[in-house]
Amino acid sequence: MSDSPGLVVAVGSASGGCGVTTIALHLCRRIGGCFVEVARAAGAAERLGLDRTALRSWDATGPDRDPVRLAALPMAGGFRAVFAAEEWDAGEVVMQLAGRFDAVVVDLAARRPPVPCAVKVVVMPATVTGARRARDSGQILGKALLVANRLGPGGEYTRAALEVVAGRRIDVALPCCPALRDAEDDGRLVGTHTRWHRRLDELAGRILQVASAEPAAIA
């Protein structure tokens, strides 16, 4: 990789349980690099079917002195992943990883404040309450990308109606995906042939556009 830091993409939300971890994991598989779970409550290890007790955690003070090599574990999707330690400076971890990987995708969960990043993705459920929380949180201001998850036929509200409540345009709408639920039950990532994944490709493209237009880090 180049001498410049890798692209850091932070995925977060103002609402719990709306798919931040799932989106961040699949996004990392799509663009490559390293996934970072900021908080254990996100459950990324369990989402991948891994036994967390058997995983090596981040330890910047260990005898090896190379926590990046030890903690960035290879995943079946062709990317690496670092899972939250009991106590760590998540911002410092992300910056170290950005020096080693071309891209770092951070699962922020509900962390405040977020880690430094080049592109911020805010996920909201396809509900009026979710849109209102996203708007009131202030997270979707500026250059943040807004993603509506599980939006589709049979839903209570349309994309246009949710945009009115959120007060801005939804950048990408991810549809409901039964195959994704099945994959989660099996502790794996969904295949790349689904309509959901095609929309994720659209999100990856938007991220690269924002990153190329605005290389400076944002909060």
Protein backbone atom coordinates (compact mmCIF):
# COMPACT_ATOMS: atom_id res chain seq x y z
CA MET A 1 0.00 0.00 0.00
CA SER A 2 1.00 3.68 -0.27
CA ASP A 3 2.68 5.73 2.43
CA SER A 4 -0.51 7.77 2.98
CA PRO A 5 -3.10 6.54 5.50
CA GLY A 6 -5.83 4.26 4.21
CA LEU A 7 -9.44 5.30 3.72
CA VAL A 8 -11.36 5.22 7.03
CA VAL A 9 -15.12 4.68 6.77
CA ALA A 10 -17.18 4.94 9.96
CA VAL A 11 -20.61 3.28 10.04
CA GLY A 12 -22.94 4.36 12.84
CA SER A 13 -26.53 5.12 13.74
CA ALA A 14 -28.74 7.06 16.10
CA SER A 15 -30.88 3.93 16.61
CA GLY A 16 -29.88 0.54 17.95
CA GLY A 17 -30.57 -2.70 16.13
CA CYS A 18 -30.84 -1.26 12.63
CA GLY A 19 -28.06 -3.28 10.99
CA VAL A 20 -24.91 -1.22 11.50
CA THR A 21 -22.69 -4.23 12.18
CA THR A 22 -24.11 -6.22 9.27
CA ILE A 23 -23.64 -3.33 6.87
CA ALA A 24 -20.11 -2.57 8.10
CA LEU A 25 -19.01 -6.21 7.76
CA HIS A 26 -20.39 -6.60 4.25
CA LEU A 27 -19.02 -3.22 3.24
CA CYS A 28 -15.55 -4.26 4.38
CA ARG A 29 -15.81 -7.44 2.34
CA ARG A 30 -16.80 -5.31 -0.64
CA ILE A 31 -14.01 -2.70 -0.46
CA GLY A 32 -11.38 -4.81 1.32
CA GLY A 33 -9.05 -3.84 4.14
CA CYS A 34 -9.80 -4.22 7.84
CA PHE A 35 -13.04 -4.17 9.84
CA VAL A 36 -12.94 -2.70 13.35
CA GLU A 37 -15.51 -3.44 16.04
CA VAL A 38 -15.37 -0.46 18.42
CA ALA A 39 -17.60 -1.91 21.18
CA ARG A 40 -18.17 -5.51 22.20
CA ALA A 41 -21.91 -4.88 22.38
CA ALA A 42 -21.97 -4.76 18.57
CA GLY A 43 -21.45 -8.53 18.54
CA ALA A 44 -19.44 -8.68 15.31
CA ALA A 45 -17.56 -11.83 16.34
CA GLU A 46 -20.79 -13.63 17.11
CA ARG A 47 -22.28 -12.30 13.88
CA LEU A 48 -19.46 -14.10 12.02
CA GLY A 49 -19.97 -17.32 13.97
CA LEU A 50 -16.71 -16.92 15.92
CA ASP A 51 -15.98 -17.85 19.51
CA ARG A 52 -14.97 -14.55 21.06
CA THR A 53 -13.22 -16.24 23.99
CA ALA A 54 -10.80 -17.86 21.54
CA LEU A 55 -9.92 -14.62 19.72
CA ARG A 56 -6.70 -12.76 20.36
CA SER A 57 -7.51 -9.26 21.57
CA TRP A 58 -5.67 -6.02 20.87
CA ASP A 59 -2.69 -5.51 23.17
CA ALA A 60 -0.39 -2.61 22.36
CA THR A 61 1.83 -3.38 25.36
CA GLY A 62 2.51 -7.05 24.71
CA PRO A 63 6.01 -8.47 24.10
CA ASP A 64 5.45 -8.67 20.34
CA ARG A 65 4.80 -4.90 20.12
CA ASP A 66 2.84 -5.42 16.89
CA PRO A 67 -0.87 -5.44 17.80
CA VAL A 68 -1.87 -4.83 14.18
CA ARG A 69 -0.35 -8.08 12.96
CA LEU A 70 -1.65 -10.07 15.93
CA ALA A 71 -5.15 -8.68 16.17
CA ALA A 72 -6.15 -8.16 12.53
CA LEU A 73 -7.47 -11.65 11.91
CA PRO A 74 -8.17 -12.99 8.38
CA MET A 75 -11.86 -13.57 7.63
CA ALA A 76 -13.44 -15.88 5.07
CA GLY A 77 -14.70 -12.89 3.08
CA GLY A 78 -11.17 -11.85 2.12
CA PHE A 79 -10.76 -9.05 4.65
CA ARG A 80 -9.33 -8.78 8.15
CA ALA A 81 -11.10 -7.93 11.39
CA VAL A 82 -10.20 -6.50 14.77
CA PHE A 83 -12.65 -7.08 17.61
CA ALA A 84 -13.10 -4.79 20.58
CA ALA A 85 -10.85 -5.34 23.59
CA GLU A 86 -11.99 -4.76 27.15
CA GLU A 87 -10.13 -1.47 27.37
CA TRP A 88 -8.59 0.36 24.46
CA ASP A 89 -8.33 3.68 22.69
CA ALA A 90 -10.46 2.97 19.63
CA GLY A 91 -9.31 6.12 17.83
CA GLU A 92 -5.66 5.17 18.22
CA VAL A 93 -6.40 1.62 17.07
CA VAL A 94 -8.12 2.90 13.92
CA MET A 95 -5.26 5.24 13.12
CA GLN A 96 -2.72 2.45 13.48
CA LEU A 97 -4.77 0.23 11.19
CA ALA A 98 -5.14 3.04 8.65
CA GLY A 99 -1.35 3.06 8.42
CA ARG A 100 -1.33 -0.62 7.47
CA PHE A 101 -4.43 -1.10 5.30
CA ASP A 102 -5.77 0.65 2.21
CA ALA A 103 -9.21 0.80 3.84
CA VAL A 104 -10.60 0.53 7.37
CA VAL A 105 -14.33 0.11 8.03
CA VAL A 106 -15.32 0.99 11.60
CA ASP A 107 -18.46 -0.31 13.30
CA LEU A 108 -19.23 2.63 15.57
CA ALA A 109 -22.44 1.24 17.05
CA ALA A 110 -23.62 4.01 19.41
CA ARG A 111 -20.13 5.31 20.30
CA ARG A 112 -19.81 9.00 21.11
CA PRO A 113 -17.74 10.72 19.93
CA PRO A 114 -16.98 8.86 16.68
CA VAL A 115 -13.45 8.03 15.60
CA PRO A 116 -11.75 10.25 12.99
CA CYS A 117 -12.79 9.19 9.49
CA ALA A 118 -12.84 10.31 5.86
CA VAL A 119 -16.41 9.15 5.21
CA LYS A 120 -19.26 8.76 7.68
CA VAL A 121 -22.21 6.45 6.94
CA VAL A 122 -25.32 6.86 9.08
CA VAL A 123 -27.78 3.96 9.05
CA MET A 124 -31.42 4.42 9.98
CA PRO A 125 -34.28 1.91 10.08
CA ALA A 126 -37.07 2.46 7.57
CA THR A 127 -39.37 3.97 10.17
CA VAL A 128 -40.52 7.47 11.03
CA THR A 129 -39.03 7.12 14.50
CA GLY A 130 -35.70 6.08 13.02
CA ALA A 131 -35.72 8.99 10.55
CA ARG A 132 -36.58 11.43 13.33
CA ARG A 133 -33.77 10.13 15.55
CA ALA A 134 -31.29 10.39 12.69
CA ARG A 135 -32.36 13.98 12.07
CA ASP A 136 -32.30 15.02 15.73
CA SER A 137 -28.92 13.37 16.39
CA GLY A 138 -27.14 15.80 14.07
CA GLN A 139 -25.19 12.88 12.55
CA ILE A 140 -26.61 13.33 9.05
CA LEU A 141 -25.44 16.91 8.65
CA GLY A 142 -22.70 17.83 6.17
CA LYS A 143 -21.16 15.14 3.98
CA ALA A 144 -22.44 12.10 5.85
CA LEU A 145 -24.11 9.42 3.73
CA LEU A 146 -27.60 8.44 4.90
CA VAL A 147 -28.65 4.81 4.45
CA ALA A 148 -32.16 3.51 5.03
CA ASN A 149 -32.02 -0.19 5.90
CA ARG A 150 -34.78 -2.74 5.23
CA LEU A 151 -36.85 -0.43 3.02
CA GLY A 152 -39.21 -2.18 0.63
CA PRO A 153 -42.72 -3.14 -0.48
CA GLY A 154 -45.13 -3.63 2.37
CA GLY A 155 -43.36 -1.12 4.57
CA GLU A 156 -45.33 1.46 6.44
CA TYR A 157 -43.58 4.44 4.84
CA THR A 158 -42.11 5.23 1.44
CA ARG A 159 -38.61 6.51 0.79
CA ALA A 160 -40.01 9.96 -0.02
CA ALA A 161 -41.96 10.12 3.24
CA LEU A 162 -38.90 9.13 5.27
CA GLU A 163 -36.82 11.79 3.52
CA VAL A 164 -39.35 14.42 4.58
CA VAL A 165 -39.03 13.36 8.23
CA ALA A 166 -35.21 13.08 8.08
CA GLY A 167 -35.01 16.49 6.41
CA ARG A 168 -32.66 15.32 3.67
CA ARG A 169 -32.24 12.88 0.83
CA ILE A 170 -31.55 9.20 1.51
CA ASP A 171 -28.36 8.32 -0.36
CA VAL A 172 -28.88 4.55 -0.51
CA ALA A 173 -31.87 2.37 0.40
CA LEU A 174 -31.07 -1.24 1.32
CA PRO A 175 -34.04 -3.60 0.79
CA CYS A 176 -35.38 -6.32 3.05
CA CYS A 177 -33.45 -9.53 2.37
CA PRO A 178 -34.57 -12.96 3.68
CA ALA A 179 -31.25 -14.45 2.53
CA LEU A 180 -29.45 -12.01 4.79
CA ARG A 181 -31.43 -13.20 7.82
CA ASP A 182 -30.61 -16.81 6.95
CA ALA A 183 -26.90 -15.96 6.69
CA GLU A 184 -26.97 -14.24 10.07
CA ASP A 185 -28.53 -17.33 11.64
CA ASP A 186 -25.68 -19.42 10.21
CA GLY A 187 -22.93 -17.01 11.32
CA ARG A 188 -21.83 -16.06 7.81
CA LEU A 189 -22.06 -13.23 5.30
CA VAL A 190 -24.73 -13.24 2.61
CA GLY A 191 -23.80 -14.09 -0.98
CA THR A 192 -23.02 -11.38 -3.51
CA HIS A 193 -25.90 -12.25 -5.84
CA THR A 194 -28.71 -10.68 -3.80
CA ARG A 195 -30.50 -7.40 -4.52
CA TRP A 196 -29.35 -6.25 -1.07
CA HIS A 197 -25.73 -6.70 -2.06
CA ARG A 198 -26.24 -4.85 -5.33
CA ARG A 199 -27.47 -1.87 -3.31
CA LEU A 200 -24.43 -2.27 -1.06
CA ASP A 201 -22.28 -1.97 -4.19
CA GLU A 202 -24.04 1.34 -4.80
CA LEU A 203 -23.12 2.47 -1.28
CA ALA A 204 -19.49 1.47 -1.82
CA GLY A 205 -19.43 3.58 -4.98
CA ARG A 206 -20.86 6.58 -3.17
CA ILE A 207 -18.25 6.21 -0.42
CA LEU A 208 -15.41 6.25 -2.93
CA GLN A 209 -16.91 9.33 -4.60
CA VAL A 210 -17.08 11.22 -1.30
CA ALA A 211 -13.58 10.11 -0.33
CA SER A 212 -12.08 11.29 -3.62
CA ALA A 213 -13.85 14.63 -3.37
CA GLU A 214 -13.08 15.22 0.32
CA PRO A 215 -9.79 13.60 1.38
CA ALA A 216 -9.60 15.39 4.73
CA ALA A 217 -10.80 13.61 7.85
CA ILE A 218 -14.18 14.50 9.31
CA ALA A 219 -15.56 14.00 12.82
